[in-house]
Amino acid sequence: MTAEPKPLTAVATATTVTSTAEHLARLYREMLLIRRVEEESARAYAQGKIGGFLHLYIGQEAVAVGALAALGPDDYVITTYRDHGIALAKGMSPRLLLAELFGKVTGCSKGLGGSMHMFDKEHHMLGGHGIVGSHIPLAAGAAFASKYRDDGRVTVCFFGEGAVSIGGFHEGMSLAALWKLPIVFICENNEYAMGTPLARSISVEDVSLKALAYGVERDRFFADDVLEVERRVGEAVKRARQHNLPTLVEVRTYRFRGHSMSDPAKYRTKAEEDEHKQRDPLLRARAALLEYGTPEAQLAELEQAVEHEVADALQFAAESAEPELRELEMATYKGAFAY
């Protein structure tokens, strides 16, 4: 006589829901931290506390948080100049980031890199890069080094859809395919290359099709759900780590602010912006947490903790000292830090 199966389904389902809710809460916290840091950065810029360019990541948080959740702590990340959110998702402290934006010596690059050049050796964040597409061959180089050393690391390279028409993109893709490198190329397609809409900058709307020319695997999806981003990018990371095979992932997203703080974004209609804001990944993640049974009070506590962390980072940045002339001299005239 066959024994009846034990009633594990309900227990397994409850455990899975609890585990998913806890994981999603961590991702929601990371996305909210990025959103609040960016909002306060915009405020500080308007107050004259931040100089130079400032490219905000507001609206695109699910891409960085979801993608980097699929990585290990030793994996490499390299990106373009819209880099604040990616740096925070990789583990950079909000204190270091805001101090860098404020031009203070306590910043991640001693206040000398600024908004477009977030770099964090400890967390293997290989920097933001101001020249469109220039960092993509560098990412292929990092992946080549990992394969040469056989260290098991994966490199993830972020860039916008405007970069896919740049020679560096094709060079990096070609070499990654030829040498079978452990790399994931992530195109953050936010539909506008500065102020130029997608239809006027790329002849083929589906950016992932570019992978076919190099025999590279591809994927394409919208970044409305941070868990879906993690799952889909995770498949590409697994392919890179286990088989040394690159992937081109096109993630459709949307920035809620202009290209930079100097861009009023008048080339977009309010109806278009409102439509995308209805799909805000932060709002969707919060709603999902409530559906999973997370108490409102618990979410409020999480959100208050983020506010305290951001306030602390702002105070730290404001009270930190500016670089001394010696540090400016080393960076400007001698080409390297003598530390």
Protein backbone atom coordinates (compact mmCIF):
# COMPACT_ATOMS: atom_id res chain seq x y z
CA MET A 1 0.00 0.00 0.00
CA THR A 2 1.38 3.39 -1.00
CA ALA A 3 1.66 5.93 1.80
CA GLU A 4 -0.14 9.19 1.33
CA PRO A 5 2.15 12.17 0.71
CA LYS A 6 2.74 14.52 3.60
CA PRO A 7 0.86 17.85 3.34
CA LEU A 8 3.92 20.01 2.66
CA THR A 9 2.39 22.28 0.03
CA ALA A 10 0.90 24.83 2.40
CA VAL A 11 4.06 24.98 4.53
CA ALA A 12 6.30 25.27 1.46
CA THR A 13 4.09 27.98 0.01
CA ALA A 14 4.07 29.97 3.24
CA THR A 15 7.84 29.63 3.56
CA THR A 16 8.33 30.70 -0.04
CA VAL A 17 6.08 33.73 0.39
CA THR A 18 7.92 34.77 3.56
CA SER A 19 11.31 34.31 1.92
CA THR A 20 10.27 36.24 -1.18
CA ALA A 21 8.81 39.06 0.92
CA GLU A 22 12.00 39.37 2.97
CA HIS A 23 14.15 39.42 -0.15
CA LEU A 24 11.87 41.91 -1.91
CA ALA A 25 11.95 44.14 1.18
CA ARG A 26 15.75 44.29 0.93
CA LEU A 27 15.55 45.19 -2.75
CA TYR A 28 12.85 47.76 -2.08
CA ARG A 29 15.06 49.35 0.56
CA GLU A 30 17.95 49.59 -1.90
CA MET A 31 15.74 51.16 -4.57
CA LEU A 32 14.27 53.62 -2.07
CA LEU A 33 17.75 54.57 -0.86
CA ILE A 34 18.81 55.33 -4.43
CA ARG A 35 15.64 57.35 -5.06
CA ARG A 36 16.07 59.44 -1.92
CA VAL A 37 19.79 60.01 -2.47
CA GLU A 38 19.06 61.20 -6.00
CA GLU A 39 16.23 63.48 -4.88
CA GLU A 40 18.44 65.05 -2.24
CA SER A 41 21.28 65.35 -4.76
CA ALA A 42 18.95 67.32 -7.04
CA ARG A 43 18.06 69.59 -4.12
CA ALA A 44 21.73 70.12 -3.21
CA TYR A 45 22.58 70.87 -6.84
CA ALA A 46 19.87 73.54 -6.97
CA GLN A 47 21.33 75.02 -3.78
CA GLY A 48 24.79 75.25 -5.34
CA LYS A 49 26.33 72.58 -3.12
CA ILE A 50 27.11 70.32 -6.09
CA GLY A 51 28.86 71.54 -9.22
CA GLY A 52 29.44 70.19 -12.70
CA PHE A 53 27.08 67.71 -14.31
CA LEU A 54 24.50 65.65 -12.44
CA HIS A 55 22.74 62.76 -14.18
CA LEU A 56 20.01 61.31 -11.95
CA TYR A 57 18.92 57.67 -11.85
CA ILE A 58 15.34 58.35 -10.73
CA GLY A 59 13.01 55.86 -12.40
CA GLN A 60 15.69 53.34 -13.32
CA GLU A 61 16.38 51.96 -9.83
CA ALA A 62 15.03 48.47 -10.56
CA VAL A 63 17.66 47.90 -13.24
CA ALA A 64 20.67 48.41 -10.97
CA VAL A 65 19.19 46.80 -7.88
CA GLY A 66 17.75 43.79 -9.69
CA ALA A 67 20.82 43.19 -11.83
CA LEU A 68 23.33 43.52 -9.03
CA ALA A 69 21.27 41.27 -6.77
CA ALA A 70 22.18 38.50 -9.22
CA LEU A 71 25.93 39.10 -8.72
CA GLY A 72 28.43 37.95 -6.15
CA PRO A 73 30.37 40.46 -4.02
CA ASP A 74 33.59 39.92 -6.02
CA ASP A 75 32.05 40.45 -9.47
CA TYR A 76 32.98 43.56 -11.44
CA VAL A 77 30.64 46.35 -12.47
CA ILE A 78 31.41 49.19 -14.85
CA THR A 79 29.01 51.79 -16.16
CA THR A 80 28.44 55.07 -17.91
CA TYR A 81 28.02 58.49 -16.31
CA ARG A 82 24.52 57.87 -14.85
CA ASP A 83 26.26 55.93 -12.13
CA HIS A 84 25.02 56.96 -8.66
CA GLY A 85 22.36 54.27 -8.40
CA ILE A 86 24.64 51.54 -9.67
CA ALA A 87 27.39 52.53 -7.22
CA LEU A 88 24.95 52.38 -4.30
CA ALA A 89 23.55 49.05 -5.45
CA LYS A 90 27.11 47.68 -5.64
CA GLY A 91 27.64 48.57 -2.00
CA MET A 92 29.08 52.08 -1.95
CA SER A 93 28.16 54.03 1.17
CA PRO A 94 25.79 56.99 0.68
CA ARG A 95 28.31 58.96 2.75
CA LEU A 96 31.10 58.33 0.24
CA LEU A 97 28.84 59.04 -2.71
CA LEU A 98 27.37 62.31 -1.47
CA ALA A 99 30.75 63.51 -0.23
CA GLU A 100 32.10 62.91 -3.72
CA LEU A 101 29.23 64.89 -5.23
CA PHE A 102 29.94 67.71 -2.77
CA GLY A 103 33.61 67.70 -3.84
CA LYS A 104 34.85 66.69 -0.41
CA VAL A 105 38.02 64.78 0.46
CA THR A 106 35.96 62.06 2.18
CA GLY A 107 34.34 61.13 -1.14
CA CYS A 108 35.05 57.88 -2.96
CA SER A 109 37.61 59.67 -5.17
CA LYS A 110 38.59 62.34 -2.65
CA GLY A 111 36.15 64.78 -4.24
CA LEU A 112 38.11 64.90 -7.51
CA GLY A 113 35.95 62.60 -9.65
CA GLY A 114 32.49 63.97 -9.12
CA SER A 115 29.16 62.73 -10.37
CA MET A 116 30.31 60.88 -13.48
CA HIS A 117 33.23 58.96 -12.01
CA MET A 118 32.06 56.92 -9.03
CA PHE A 119 34.76 54.35 -8.25
CA ASP A 120 34.94 51.87 -5.38
CA LYS A 121 37.83 49.42 -5.34
CA GLU A 122 36.56 47.63 -2.24
CA HIS A 123 33.28 46.70 -3.91
CA HIS A 124 34.76 46.15 -7.40
CA MET A 125 32.90 49.11 -8.85
CA LEU A 126 35.14 50.04 -11.77
CA GLY A 127 33.74 53.49 -12.20
CA GLY A 128 31.35 55.59 -14.14
CA HIS A 129 32.68 56.94 -17.44
CA GLY A 130 31.81 60.23 -19.08
CA ILE A 131 32.61 59.36 -22.71
CA VAL A 132 29.66 57.53 -24.27
CA GLY A 133 30.54 53.91 -25.05
CA SER A 134 34.21 54.28 -24.09
CA HIS A 135 33.96 51.95 -21.11
CA ILE A 136 32.51 48.97 -23.02
CA PRO A 137 35.89 47.73 -24.33
CA LEU A 138 37.28 48.29 -20.80
CA ALA A 139 34.59 45.96 -19.50
CA ALA A 140 35.65 43.34 -22.04
CA GLY A 141 39.20 43.79 -20.76
CA ALA A 142 38.12 43.18 -17.16
CA ALA A 143 36.28 40.03 -18.25
CA PHE A 144 39.34 38.89 -20.20
CA ALA A 145 41.46 39.31 -17.06
CA SER A 146 39.00 37.21 -15.07
CA LYS A 147 39.08 34.45 -17.66
CA TYR A 148 42.89 34.59 -17.84
CA ARG A 149 43.19 34.35 -14.05
CA ASP A 150 40.35 31.82 -13.85
CA ASP A 151 39.00 33.68 -10.82
CA GLY A 152 35.32 32.90 -11.45
CA ARG A 153 34.28 36.55 -11.60
CA VAL A 154 31.68 37.98 -13.94
CA THR A 155 31.79 41.52 -15.33
CA VAL A 156 28.54 43.44 -15.82
CA CYS A 157 28.67 46.45 -18.11
CA PHE A 158 25.85 49.03 -18.11
CA PHE A 159 25.27 51.56 -20.89
CA GLY A 160 22.43 53.48 -22.52
CA GLU A 161 20.85 52.81 -25.89
CA GLY A 162 22.71 55.83 -27.27
CA ALA A 163 25.97 53.89 -26.90
CA VAL A 164 25.00 51.04 -29.24
CA SER A 165 25.81 53.24 -32.25
CA ILE A 166 29.30 53.94 -30.92
CA GLY A 167 32.30 51.95 -32.18
CA GLY A 168 33.33 50.95 -28.66
CA PHE A 169 30.11 48.97 -28.24
CA HIS A 170 30.79 46.88 -31.32
CA GLU A 171 34.44 46.39 -30.41
CA GLY A 172 33.55 45.18 -26.92
CA MET A 173 30.81 42.86 -28.20
CA SER A 174 33.05 41.44 -30.93
CA LEU A 175 35.92 40.65 -28.57
CA ALA A 176 33.63 39.21 -25.91
CA ALA A 177 32.13 36.82 -28.44
CA LEU A 178 35.45 35.92 -30.06
CA TRP A 179 37.23 35.22 -26.77
CA LYS A 180 34.17 33.80 -24.98
CA LEU A 181 34.35 36.17 -22.05
CA PRO A 182 32.37 36.03 -18.76
CA ILE A 183 30.51 39.29 -19.28
CA VAL A 184 26.94 40.58 -19.32
CA PHE A 185 26.23 43.70 -21.39
CA ILE A 186 23.17 45.54 -20.05
CA CYS A 187 21.65 48.22 -22.23
CA GLU A 188 19.50 50.49 -20.06
CA ASN A 189 17.13 51.65 -22.77
CA ASN A 190 15.37 54.66 -21.24
CA GLU A 191 13.99 55.69 -24.66
CA TYR A 192 15.98 58.92 -24.96
CA ALA A 193 19.60 59.49 -25.93
CA MET A 194 19.87 62.84 -24.16
CA GLY A 195 16.86 64.55 -25.80
CA THR A 196 16.67 62.38 -28.92
CA PRO A 197 13.87 59.78 -28.89
CA LEU A 198 14.64 56.16 -29.68
CA ALA A 199 12.98 56.22 -33.11
CA ARG A 200 15.29 59.01 -34.26
CA SER A 201 18.55 57.55 -32.98
CA ILE A 202 18.41 53.81 -33.79
CA SER A 203 17.23 52.21 -37.02
CA VAL A 204 16.14 49.01 -35.24
CA GLU A 205 14.14 49.57 -32.05
CA ASP A 206 15.03 46.16 -30.60
CA VAL A 207 18.57 46.78 -29.37
CA SER A 208 19.02 43.14 -28.38
CA LEU A 209 19.04 42.19 -32.07
CA LYS A 210 22.55 43.64 -32.23
CA ALA A 211 23.71 40.48 -30.44
CA LEU A 212 22.88 38.32 -33.46
CA ALA A 213 25.69 39.85 -35.50
CA TYR A 214 28.22 38.45 -33.02
CA GLY A 215 26.59 35.14 -32.20
CA VAL A 216 25.86 36.34 -28.66
CA GLU A 217 22.86 35.31 -26.54
CA ARG A 218 20.28 38.05 -25.97
CA ASP A 219 17.34 38.99 -23.79
CA ARG A 220 14.87 41.87 -23.70
CA PHE A 221 12.28 42.93 -21.12
CA PHE A 222 10.80 45.83 -19.16
CA ALA A 223 12.16 46.75 -15.71
CA ASP A 224 8.81 47.19 -13.97
CA ASP A 225 9.47 44.32 -11.53
CA VAL A 226 12.81 44.25 -9.68
CA LEU A 227 12.47 40.50 -9.03
CA GLU A 228 12.03 39.88 -12.75
CA VAL A 229 15.16 41.92 -13.45
CA GLU A 230 17.09 39.83 -10.94
CA ARG A 231 15.83 36.57 -12.46
CA ARG A 232 16.50 37.47 -16.08
CA VAL A 233 19.91 39.01 -15.47
CA GLY A 234 20.68 36.06 -13.20
CA GLU A 235 20.31 33.72 -16.18
CA ALA A 236 22.87 35.75 -18.11
CA VAL A 237 25.23 35.85 -15.12
CA LYS A 238 24.98 32.07 -14.78
CA ARG A 239 25.79 31.66 -18.47
CA ALA A 240 28.85 33.89 -18.07
CA ARG A 241 30.11 32.26 -14.88
CA GLN A 242 29.59 28.62 -15.86
CA HIS A 243 30.26 28.72 -19.59
CA ASN A 244 32.30 31.91 -20.24
CA LEU A 245 29.63 33.13 -22.65
CA PRO A 246 28.56 36.78 -23.01
CA THR A 247 24.96 38.02 -23.18
CA LEU A 248 23.42 41.26 -24.38
CA VAL A 249 20.44 42.19 -22.19
CA GLU A 250 18.25 45.10 -23.20
CA VAL A 251 16.26 46.38 -20.24
CA ARG A 252 13.56 48.87 -21.13
CA THR A 253 13.27 51.52 -18.45
CA TYR A 254 12.50 55.24 -18.13
CA ARG A 255 14.10 58.17 -16.37
CA PHE A 256 11.65 60.49 -14.64
CA ARG A 257 13.97 63.50 -14.81
CA GLY A 258 15.79 65.13 -17.71
CA HIS A 259 19.05 63.85 -19.12
CA SER A 260 20.89 65.97 -16.57
CA MET A 261 19.98 68.77 -14.19
CA SER A 262 20.36 71.27 -17.02
CA ASP A 263 17.71 69.48 -19.11
CA PRO A 264 14.06 70.51 -18.52
CA ALA A 265 12.91 67.53 -20.65
CA LYS A 266 10.36 69.56 -22.60
CA TYR A 267 10.64 67.11 -25.49
CA ARG A 268 8.36 64.73 -23.55
CA THR A 269 4.66 65.12 -22.91
CA LYS A 270 3.18 65.04 -19.42
CA ALA A 271 0.90 62.21 -20.51
CA GLU A 272 3.94 60.13 -21.47
CA GLU A 273 5.64 60.78 -18.16
CA ASP A 274 2.48 60.03 -16.18
CA GLU A 275 2.02 56.75 -18.02
CA HIS A 276 5.51 55.61 -17.07
CA LYS A 277 5.14 56.80 -13.47
CA GLN A 278 2.16 54.49 -13.11
CA ARG A 279 4.65 51.67 -13.63
CA ASP A 280 7.18 53.03 -11.13
CA PRO A 281 9.12 49.97 -9.90
CA LEU A 282 9.25 51.38 -6.36
CA LEU A 283 5.47 51.69 -6.17
CA ARG A 284 5.05 48.22 -7.63
CA ALA A 285 7.51 46.71 -5.16
CA ARG A 286 5.78 48.38 -2.23
CA ALA A 287 2.37 47.20 -3.40
CA ALA A 288 3.73 43.66 -3.83
CA LEU A 289 5.09 43.69 -0.28
CA LEU A 290 1.67 44.62 1.06
CA GLU A 291 0.14 41.80 -0.97
CA TYR A 292 2.67 39.39 0.54
CA GLY A 293 1.37 40.42 3.95
CA THR A 294 4.10 42.82 5.04
CA PRO A 295 2.58 45.14 7.66
CA GLU A 296 2.32 48.82 6.76
CA ALA A 297 4.08 49.67 10.02
CA GLN A 298 7.07 47.53 9.00
CA LEU A 299 7.33 49.35 5.67
CA ALA A 300 7.07 52.70 7.42
CA GLU A 301 9.91 51.69 9.74
CA LEU A 302 12.04 50.65 6.75
CA GLU A 303 11.33 53.93 4.98
CA GLN A 304 12.17 55.94 8.09
CA ALA A 305 15.49 54.10 8.39
CA VAL A 306 16.31 55.12 4.81
CA GLU A 307 15.48 58.75 5.63
CA HIS A 308 17.86 58.66 8.59
CA GLU A 309 20.63 57.13 6.45
CA VAL A 310 20.25 59.79 3.79
CA ALA A 311 20.14 62.60 6.36
CA ASP A 312 23.30 61.24 7.97
CA ALA A 313 25.06 61.08 4.58
CA LEU A 314 24.05 64.65 3.75
CA GLN A 315 25.37 65.90 7.08
CA PHE A 316 28.60 63.96 6.61
CA ALA A 317 29.11 65.44 3.14
CA ALA A 318 28.33 68.98 4.28
CA GLU A 319 30.70 68.82 7.25
CA SER A 320 33.59 67.11 5.45
CA ALA A 321 36.65 69.07 4.38
CA GLU A 322 37.55 69.97 0.81
CA PRO A 323 40.70 68.46 -0.76
CA GLU A 324 43.94 70.18 0.14
CA LEU A 325 46.13 71.77 -2.52
CA ARG A 326 48.57 68.86 -2.23
CA GLU A 327 45.89 66.41 -3.38
CA LEU A 328 44.82 68.69 -6.22
CA GLU A 329 48.44 69.01 -7.33
CA MET A 330 48.98 65.25 -7.37
CA ALA A 331 45.86 64.68 -9.48
CA THR A 332 46.41 67.61 -11.83
CA TYR A 333 50.15 67.67 -12.47
CA LYS A 334 51.59 64.31 -11.47
CA GLY A 335 48.90 62.04 -12.82
CA ALA A 336 48.63 59.75 -9.78
CA PHE A 337 48.02 59.84 -6.08
CA ALA A 338 51.04 59.35 -3.85
CA TYR A 339 49.26 57.30 -1.22
